[in-house]
N, C-alpha and C. Protein backbone atom coordinates (compact mmCIF):
# COMPACT_ATOMS: atom_id res chain seq x y z
N MET A 1 11.28 20.72 -19.08
CA MET A 1 12.09 21.91 -19.29
C MET A 1 13.46 21.67 -18.67
N LEU A 2 14.47 21.84 -19.47
CA LEU A 2 15.85 21.82 -18.98
C LEU A 2 16.21 23.21 -18.51
N PHE A 3 16.78 23.31 -17.31
CA PHE A 3 17.31 24.57 -16.83
C PHE A 3 18.79 24.38 -16.57
N VAL A 4 19.62 25.10 -17.30
CA VAL A 4 21.07 25.02 -17.13
C VAL A 4 21.45 26.02 -16.04
N ASP A 5 22.15 25.53 -15.03
CA ASP A 5 22.53 26.36 -13.90
C ASP A 5 23.97 26.03 -13.51
N LEU A 6 24.76 27.05 -13.27
CA LEU A 6 26.13 26.89 -12.76
C LEU A 6 27.01 26.00 -13.64
N PHE A 7 27.16 26.39 -14.88
CA PHE A 7 28.01 25.67 -15.82
C PHE A 7 29.30 26.46 -15.97
N TYR A 8 30.41 25.89 -15.50
CA TYR A 8 31.69 26.60 -15.49
C TYR A 8 32.81 25.65 -15.89
N LEU A 9 33.68 26.12 -16.76
CA LEU A 9 34.91 25.41 -17.09
C LEU A 9 36.08 26.31 -16.75
N PRO A 10 37.10 25.77 -16.09
CA PRO A 10 38.29 26.57 -15.82
C PRO A 10 38.93 27.02 -17.14
N PRO A 11 39.55 28.18 -17.16
CA PRO A 11 40.13 28.71 -18.40
C PRO A 11 41.04 27.72 -19.12
N GLU A 12 41.79 26.94 -18.38
CA GLU A 12 42.72 26.00 -19.03
C GLU A 12 42.01 24.83 -19.71
N ARG A 13 40.71 24.65 -19.46
CA ARG A 13 39.94 23.58 -20.10
C ARG A 13 39.10 24.09 -21.28
N ARG A 14 39.15 25.38 -21.55
CA ARG A 14 38.33 25.96 -22.60
C ARG A 14 39.04 25.90 -23.95
N GLY A 15 38.24 25.94 -25.01
CA GLY A 15 38.78 26.04 -26.36
C GLY A 15 39.01 24.73 -27.08
N ALA A 16 38.77 23.61 -26.41
CA ALA A 16 38.99 22.31 -27.04
C ALA A 16 37.69 21.56 -27.31
N GLY A 17 36.55 22.23 -27.12
CA GLY A 17 35.26 21.60 -27.41
C GLY A 17 34.62 20.88 -26.23
N LEU A 18 35.28 20.87 -25.07
CA LEU A 18 34.72 20.18 -23.91
C LEU A 18 33.38 20.79 -23.49
N GLY A 19 33.29 22.09 -23.43
CA GLY A 19 32.04 22.75 -23.04
C GLY A 19 30.90 22.40 -23.98
N ARG A 20 31.18 22.42 -25.28
CA ARG A 20 30.15 22.05 -26.27
C ARG A 20 29.69 20.62 -26.07
N ARG A 21 30.63 19.72 -25.79
CA ARG A 21 30.27 18.30 -25.60
C ARG A 21 29.43 18.12 -24.33
N ILE A 22 29.79 18.80 -23.26
CA ILE A 22 29.02 18.69 -22.02
C ILE A 22 27.61 19.24 -22.23
N LEU A 23 27.49 20.40 -22.87
CA LEU A 23 26.19 20.99 -23.11
C LEU A 23 25.34 20.10 -24.02
N ALA A 24 25.93 19.56 -25.06
CA ALA A 24 25.21 18.67 -25.97
C ALA A 24 24.72 17.42 -25.24
N GLU A 25 25.53 16.89 -24.35
CA GLU A 25 25.12 15.71 -23.59
C GLU A 25 23.96 16.05 -22.65
N ALA A 26 24.01 17.21 -22.02
CA ALA A 26 22.90 17.64 -21.16
C ALA A 26 21.62 17.79 -21.98
N GLU A 27 21.73 18.32 -23.19
CA GLU A 27 20.57 18.47 -24.07
C GLU A 27 20.01 17.10 -24.48
N ARG A 28 20.90 16.17 -24.81
CA ARG A 28 20.45 14.82 -25.17
C ARG A 28 19.71 14.16 -24.00
N GLU A 29 20.26 14.32 -22.81
CA GLU A 29 19.61 13.75 -21.63
C GLU A 29 18.26 14.40 -21.37
N ALA A 30 18.19 15.70 -21.58
CA ALA A 30 16.91 16.40 -21.41
C ALA A 30 15.87 15.84 -22.38
N VAL A 31 16.25 15.65 -23.63
CA VAL A 31 15.33 15.09 -24.63
C VAL A 31 14.92 13.67 -24.22
N ARG A 32 15.89 12.88 -23.76
CA ARG A 32 15.60 11.52 -23.34
C ARG A 32 14.56 11.51 -22.20
N ARG A 33 14.61 12.52 -21.37
CA ARG A 33 13.67 12.62 -20.24
C ARG A 33 12.37 13.33 -20.61
N GLY A 34 12.22 13.70 -21.87
CA GLY A 34 10.96 14.28 -22.33
C GLY A 34 10.92 15.80 -22.37
N CYS A 35 12.03 16.46 -22.16
CA CYS A 35 12.04 17.92 -22.23
C CYS A 35 11.89 18.37 -23.68
N ARG A 36 11.18 19.44 -23.87
CA ARG A 36 10.99 20.00 -25.21
C ARG A 36 11.72 21.31 -25.40
N ALA A 37 12.25 21.87 -24.30
CA ALA A 37 12.94 23.15 -24.38
C ALA A 37 13.87 23.30 -23.19
N GLY A 38 14.75 24.28 -23.31
CA GLY A 38 15.66 24.61 -22.23
C GLY A 38 15.77 26.10 -22.07
N VAL A 39 16.10 26.54 -20.86
CA VAL A 39 16.35 27.94 -20.58
C VAL A 39 17.59 28.06 -19.71
N LEU A 40 18.23 29.20 -19.81
CA LEU A 40 19.38 29.48 -18.97
C LEU A 40 19.60 30.97 -18.94
N TYR A 41 20.42 31.39 -18.01
CA TYR A 41 20.87 32.77 -18.08
C TYR A 41 22.34 32.82 -17.74
N THR A 42 22.99 33.80 -18.30
CA THR A 42 24.40 34.03 -18.08
C THR A 42 24.59 35.53 -17.94
N ILE A 43 25.81 35.94 -17.75
CA ILE A 43 26.11 37.36 -17.61
C ILE A 43 26.86 37.81 -18.87
N ASN A 44 26.64 39.03 -19.28
CA ASN A 44 27.15 39.49 -20.58
C ASN A 44 28.66 39.34 -20.73
N PHE A 45 29.44 39.34 -19.66
CA PHE A 45 30.89 39.18 -19.81
C PHE A 45 31.32 37.72 -19.67
N GLN A 46 30.38 36.82 -19.46
CA GLN A 46 30.74 35.41 -19.34
C GLN A 46 30.68 34.72 -20.70
N ALA A 47 29.56 34.07 -21.02
CA ALA A 47 29.57 33.21 -22.18
C ALA A 47 28.34 33.24 -23.07
N PRO A 48 27.67 34.37 -23.26
CA PRO A 48 26.48 34.30 -24.12
C PRO A 48 26.81 33.83 -25.54
N GLU A 49 27.96 34.20 -26.07
CA GLU A 49 28.33 33.78 -27.44
C GLU A 49 28.48 32.26 -27.53
N PHE A 50 29.00 31.64 -26.48
CA PHE A 50 29.14 30.18 -26.44
C PHE A 50 27.78 29.52 -26.64
N TYR A 51 26.79 29.99 -25.92
CA TYR A 51 25.46 29.39 -26.02
C TYR A 51 24.81 29.67 -27.38
N VAL A 52 24.97 30.87 -27.90
CA VAL A 52 24.41 31.19 -29.22
C VAL A 52 25.03 30.28 -30.28
N LYS A 53 26.33 30.05 -30.21
CA LYS A 53 26.99 29.14 -31.16
C LYS A 53 26.45 27.72 -31.05
N SER A 54 25.90 27.38 -29.89
CA SER A 54 25.34 26.04 -29.66
C SER A 54 23.84 25.98 -29.96
N GLY A 55 23.31 27.03 -30.59
CA GLY A 55 21.93 27.01 -31.03
C GLY A 55 20.92 27.63 -30.08
N TRP A 56 21.39 28.22 -29.00
CA TRP A 56 20.50 28.89 -28.06
C TRP A 56 20.20 30.29 -28.58
N GLN A 57 19.02 30.82 -28.23
CA GLN A 57 18.60 32.14 -28.70
C GLN A 57 18.37 33.07 -27.52
N VAL A 58 18.90 34.27 -27.64
CA VAL A 58 18.68 35.29 -26.62
C VAL A 58 17.24 35.76 -26.71
N PHE A 59 16.54 35.75 -25.56
CA PHE A 59 15.17 36.28 -25.56
C PHE A 59 15.01 37.46 -24.61
N GLY A 60 16.08 37.81 -23.91
CA GLY A 60 15.98 38.98 -23.04
C GLY A 60 17.30 39.32 -22.40
N GLU A 61 17.41 40.57 -22.01
CA GLU A 61 18.61 41.04 -21.33
C GLU A 61 18.20 42.11 -20.33
N VAL A 62 18.72 41.97 -19.12
CA VAL A 62 18.41 42.93 -18.07
C VAL A 62 19.70 43.66 -17.72
N PRO A 63 19.83 44.91 -18.14
CA PRO A 63 21.06 45.67 -17.86
C PRO A 63 21.07 46.22 -16.44
N SER A 64 22.27 46.55 -16.00
CA SER A 64 22.41 47.25 -14.72
C SER A 64 23.25 48.50 -14.95
N VAL A 65 23.34 49.32 -13.96
CA VAL A 65 24.04 50.60 -14.11
C VAL A 65 25.55 50.43 -14.26
N ASP A 66 26.10 49.30 -13.86
CA ASP A 66 27.56 49.10 -13.93
C ASP A 66 28.02 48.45 -15.23
N GLY A 67 27.11 48.29 -16.19
CA GLY A 67 27.47 47.69 -17.47
C GLY A 67 27.36 46.19 -17.51
N VAL A 68 27.08 45.56 -16.39
CA VAL A 68 26.88 44.12 -16.33
C VAL A 68 25.40 43.85 -16.56
N SER A 69 25.11 42.85 -17.38
CA SER A 69 23.71 42.51 -17.59
C SER A 69 23.51 41.01 -17.58
N SER A 70 22.31 40.61 -17.18
CA SER A 70 21.92 39.21 -17.24
C SER A 70 21.33 38.96 -18.62
N VAL A 71 21.78 37.89 -19.26
CA VAL A 71 21.32 37.54 -20.60
C VAL A 71 20.56 36.22 -20.49
N PHE A 72 19.31 36.22 -20.97
CA PHE A 72 18.46 35.05 -20.89
C PHE A 72 18.36 34.39 -22.26
N LEU A 73 18.52 33.06 -22.28
CA LEU A 73 18.51 32.32 -23.54
C LEU A 73 17.58 31.11 -23.43
N SER A 74 17.09 30.66 -24.59
CA SER A 74 16.27 29.47 -24.64
C SER A 74 16.62 28.65 -25.88
N LYS A 75 16.19 27.39 -25.85
CA LYS A 75 16.41 26.52 -27.00
C LYS A 75 15.30 25.48 -27.01
N ALA A 76 14.68 25.28 -28.18
CA ALA A 76 13.69 24.23 -28.34
C ALA A 76 14.38 22.97 -28.82
N PHE A 77 13.92 21.83 -28.32
CA PHE A 77 14.52 20.54 -28.72
C PHE A 77 13.57 19.78 -29.63
């Protein structure tokens, strides 16, 4: 199982495909090591759309009273 934790790109490095390349390389390495799936969580104002565009699926969301929610995603390899 791949668990993605603490993945951050500074704003000036976003938009050129670097994040997609890093995530894809992590997925390739996970497969090489025998992982069959991955999980991660992000916050609703961070990057859930980024992960969905990369083939990850939302399987849960935990809202809070301040409008911030944790979004849980998974992907099978």
